Every structure is written in structure tokens, then in C-alpha cells.
C-alpha atoms as a PDB file:
ATOM      1  CA  MET A   1       0.000   0.000   0.000  1.00  0.00           C
ATOM      2  CA  ASN A   2       2.782   2.438   0.872  1.00  0.00           C
ATOM      3  CA  LEU A   3       4.559   1.674  -2.390  1.00  0.00           C
ATOM      4  CA  LEU A   4       1.385   2.484  -4.355  1.00  0.00           C
ATOM      5  CA  ASN A   5       1.005   5.700  -2.393  1.00  0.00           C
ATOM      6  CA  TYR A   6       4.518   6.902  -3.167  1.00  0.00           C
ATOM      7  CA  LEU A   7       4.298   5.874  -6.824  1.00  0.00           C
ATOM      8  CA  ASP A   8       1.033   7.748  -7.178  1.00  0.00           C
ATOM      9  CA  ARG A   9       2.463  10.866  -5.569  1.00  0.00           C
ATOM     10  CA  ASN A  10       5.269  10.894  -8.097  1.00  0.00           C
ATOM     11  CA  ALA A  11       3.098  10.100 -11.120  1.00  0.00           C
ATOM     12  CA  LEU A  12       1.755  13.644 -11.398  1.00  0.00           C
ATOM     13  CA  SER A  13       5.218  15.188 -11.316  1.00  0.00           C
ATOM     14  CA  VAL A  14       6.367  12.867 -14.115  1.00  0.00           C
ATOM     15  CA  LEU A  15       3.295  13.680 -16.190  1.00  0.00           C
ATOM     16  CA  ALA A  16       3.255  17.394 -15.313  1.00  0.00           C
ATOM     17  CA  PRO A  17       4.636  18.612 -18.659  1.00  0.00           C
ATOM     18  CA  LEU A  18       1.944  16.658 -20.533  1.00  0.00           C
ATOM     19  CA  PHE A  19      -0.825  17.695 -18.144  1.00  0.00           C
ATOM     20  CA  ARG A  20       0.187  21.335 -18.258  1.00  0.00           C
ATOM     21  CA  LYS A  21       0.316  21.388 -22.052  1.00  0.00           C
ATOM     22  CA  GLU A  22      -2.888  19.387 -22.581  1.00  0.00           C
ATOM     23  CA  LEU A  23      -4.935  21.311 -20.013  1.00  0.00           C
ATOM     24  CA  HIS A  24      -3.252  24.701 -20.583  1.00  0.00           C
ATOM     25  CA  LEU A  25      -2.160  24.979 -16.949  1.00  0.00           C
ATOM     26  CA  SER A  26       0.165  27.639 -15.640  1.00  0.00           C
ATOM     27  CA  PRO A  27       2.742  26.821 -12.949  1.00  0.00           C
ATOM     28  CA  LEU A  28       0.314  28.323 -10.404  1.00  0.00           C
ATOM     29  CA  ASP A  29      -2.502  26.085 -11.642  1.00  0.00           C
ATOM     30  CA  TYR A  30      -0.268  23.044 -11.304  1.00  0.00           C
ATOM     31  CA  ALA A  31       0.614  24.166  -7.763  1.00  0.00           C
ATOM     32  CA  TYR A  32      -3.118  24.216  -6.894  1.00  0.00           C
ATOM     33  CA  ALA A  33      -3.406  20.566  -7.920  1.00  0.00           C
ATOM     34  CA  VAL A  34      -0.327  19.552  -5.932  1.00  0.00           C
ATOM     35  CA  ASN A  35      -1.443  21.490  -2.869  1.00  0.00           C
ATOM     36  CA  ALA A  36      -4.960  20.030  -3.049  1.00  0.00           C
ATOM     37  CA  PHE A  37      -3.450  16.562  -2.754  1.00  0.00           C
ATOM     38  CA  LEU A  38      -1.129  17.554   0.092  1.00  0.00           C
ATOM     39  CA  THR A  39      -3.900  19.310   2.021  1.00  0.00           C
ATOM     40  CA  ALA A  40      -6.203  16.301   1.807  1.00  0.00           C
ATOM     41  CA  TYR A  41      -3.319  13.989   2.689  1.00  0.00           C
ATOM     42  CA  ALA A  42      -2.593  16.032   5.830  1.00  0.00           C
ATOM     43  CA  ILE A  43      -6.268  15.946   6.832  1.00  0.00           C
ATOM     44  CA  MET A  44      -6.485  12.184   6.488  1.00  0.00           C
ATOM     45  CA  TYR A  45      -3.090  11.615   8.041  1.00  0.00           C
ATOM     46  CA  ALA A  46      -4.644  12.839  11.257  1.00  0.00           C
ATOM     47  CA  GLY A  47      -8.073  11.270  10.676  1.00  0.00           C
ATOM     48  CA  SER A  48      -7.210   7.846   9.332  1.00  0.00           C
ATOM     49  CA  GLY A  49      -5.979   6.603  12.696  1.00  0.00           C
ATOM     50  CA  ALA A  50      -9.401   7.196  14.226  1.00  0.00           C
ATOM     51  CA  ILE A  51     -11.033   5.340  11.337  1.00  0.00           C
ATOM     52  CA  VAL A  52      -8.691   2.372  11.746  1.00  0.00           C
ATOM     53  CA  ASP A  53      -9.306   2.324  15.514  1.00  0.00           C
ATOM     54  CA  ARG A  54     -13.055   2.319  14.987  1.00  0.00           C
ATOM     55  CA  LEU A  55     -13.360  -0.103  12.035  1.00  0.00           C
ATOM     56  CA  GLY A  56     -10.296  -2.289  12.411  1.00  0.00           C
ATOM     57  CA  TYR A  57      -7.282  -2.716  10.162  1.00  0.00           C
ATOM     58  CA  ARG A  58      -8.713  -5.090   7.554  1.00  0.00           C
ATOM     59  CA  LEU A  59     -11.961  -3.246   6.896  1.00  0.00           C
ATOM     60  CA  SER A  60     -10.204   0.125   6.925  1.00  0.00           C
ATOM     61  CA  LEU A  61      -7.597  -1.063   4.451  1.00  0.00           C
ATOM     62  CA  ALA A  62     -10.292  -2.405   2.138  1.00  0.00           C
ATOM     63  CA  ILE A  63     -12.172   0.903   2.281  1.00  0.00           C
ATOM     64  CA  PHE A  64      -9.016   2.972   1.788  1.00  0.00           C
ATOM     65  CA  VAL A  65      -7.810   0.911  -1.181  1.00  0.00           C
ATOM     66  CA  GLY A  66     -11.274   0.999  -2.754  1.00  0.00           C
ATOM     67  CA  ALA A  67     -11.551   4.775  -2.333  1.00  0.00           C
ATOM     68  CA  TRP A  68      -7.992   5.277  -3.599  1.00  0.00           C
ATOM     69  CA  SER A  69      -8.731   3.151  -6.674  1.00  0.00           C
ATOM     70  CA  LEU A  70     -11.904   5.093  -7.425  1.00  0.00           C
ATOM     71  CA  ALA A  71     -10.138   8.449  -6.990  1.00  0.00           C
ATOM     72  CA  ALA A  72      -7.246   7.312  -9.184  1.00  0.00           C
ATOM     73  CA  GLY A  73      -9.651   6.148 -11.884  1.00  0.00           C
ATOM     74  CA  LEU A  74     -11.453   9.491 -11.848  1.00  0.00           C
ATOM     75  CA  HIS A  75      -8.276  11.107 -13.166  1.00  0.00           C
ATOM     76  CA  ALA A  76      -9.185   9.716 -16.589  1.00  0.00           C
ATOM     77  CA  ALA A  77     -12.096  12.177 -16.611  1.00  0.00           C
ATOM     78  CA  VAL A  78     -10.031  15.322 -15.948  1.00  0.00           C
ATOM     79  CA  THR A  79     -11.203  18.127 -18.232  1.00  0.00           C
ATOM     80  CA  GLY A  80      -9.495  21.146 -16.717  1.00  0.00           C
ATOM     81  CA  LEU A  81      -7.943  22.711 -13.676  1.00  0.00           C
ATOM     82  CA  TRP A  82     -10.804  22.323 -11.242  1.00  0.00           C
ATOM     83  CA  THR A  83     -11.544  18.686 -12.017  1.00  0.00           C
ATOM     84  CA  LEU A  84      -7.825  17.980 -11.632  1.00  0.00           C
ATOM     85  CA  VAL A  85      -7.792  19.811  -8.280  1.00  0.00           C
ATOM     86  CA  LEU A  86     -10.913  17.947  -7.118  1.00  0.00           C
ATOM     87  CA  PHE A  87      -9.632  14.517  -8.134  1.00  0.00           C
ATOM     88  CA  ARG A  88      -6.197  15.169  -6.620  1.00  0.00           C
ATOM     89  CA  PHE A  89      -7.920  16.206  -3.384  1.00  0.00           C
ATOM     90  CA  LEU A  90      -9.988  13.010  -3.388  1.00  0.00           C
ATOM     91  CA  LEU A  91      -6.873  10.970  -4.040  1.00  0.00           C
ATOM     92  CA  GLY A  92      -5.139  12.628  -1.108  1.00  0.00           C
ATOM     93  CA  LEU A  93      -7.983  11.637   1.173  1.00  0.00           C
END
């Protein structure tokens, strides 16, 4: 799970030149997408422990992997800056 998390975090930086060109994003726009992910990640970093304590490790992991997979798949539907920001935020959660 941690390996997938780190690979996913780096995927956007590798694809940034393509994303920026395809979606006509400025460096500031790209920063919004990166910061949306990091903000959501910080929120869930604090909140995920409570979820694991309440639901247990196995169920929590299943929910987290399912939500991560859905959020990652939504990136195929990115049409512009704000959908990218939204989907990056969801992925960070």
C-alpha cells in the first residue's frame, strides 16, 4: 500500500509537462493541484488513525484501497484545472 502511495504521488510530477500542455495549466494552476493533494493527505493523516481504531485494520484497508482506486480512476475524466484539483484532493484523502 505504501509503495502504491509513493508511486502515485510521483506520477503527477512525471506527467506534469503533458498535463500542463494538454490542459493549458500555468505553474500556479499546477501548484493548486499539488497542494490540493497535500492538504487532503494532511487531513487524512490525522483522521485515518481514528477510522482504523473504529473499524479495524482489515476493513479500513479495504475501504481505503477501494476509495484510492476510485479516486485514481477518476483522473481519466479530468477536463481542466478544477476537475484535476478535485480529483487530486480526493486521491489525497
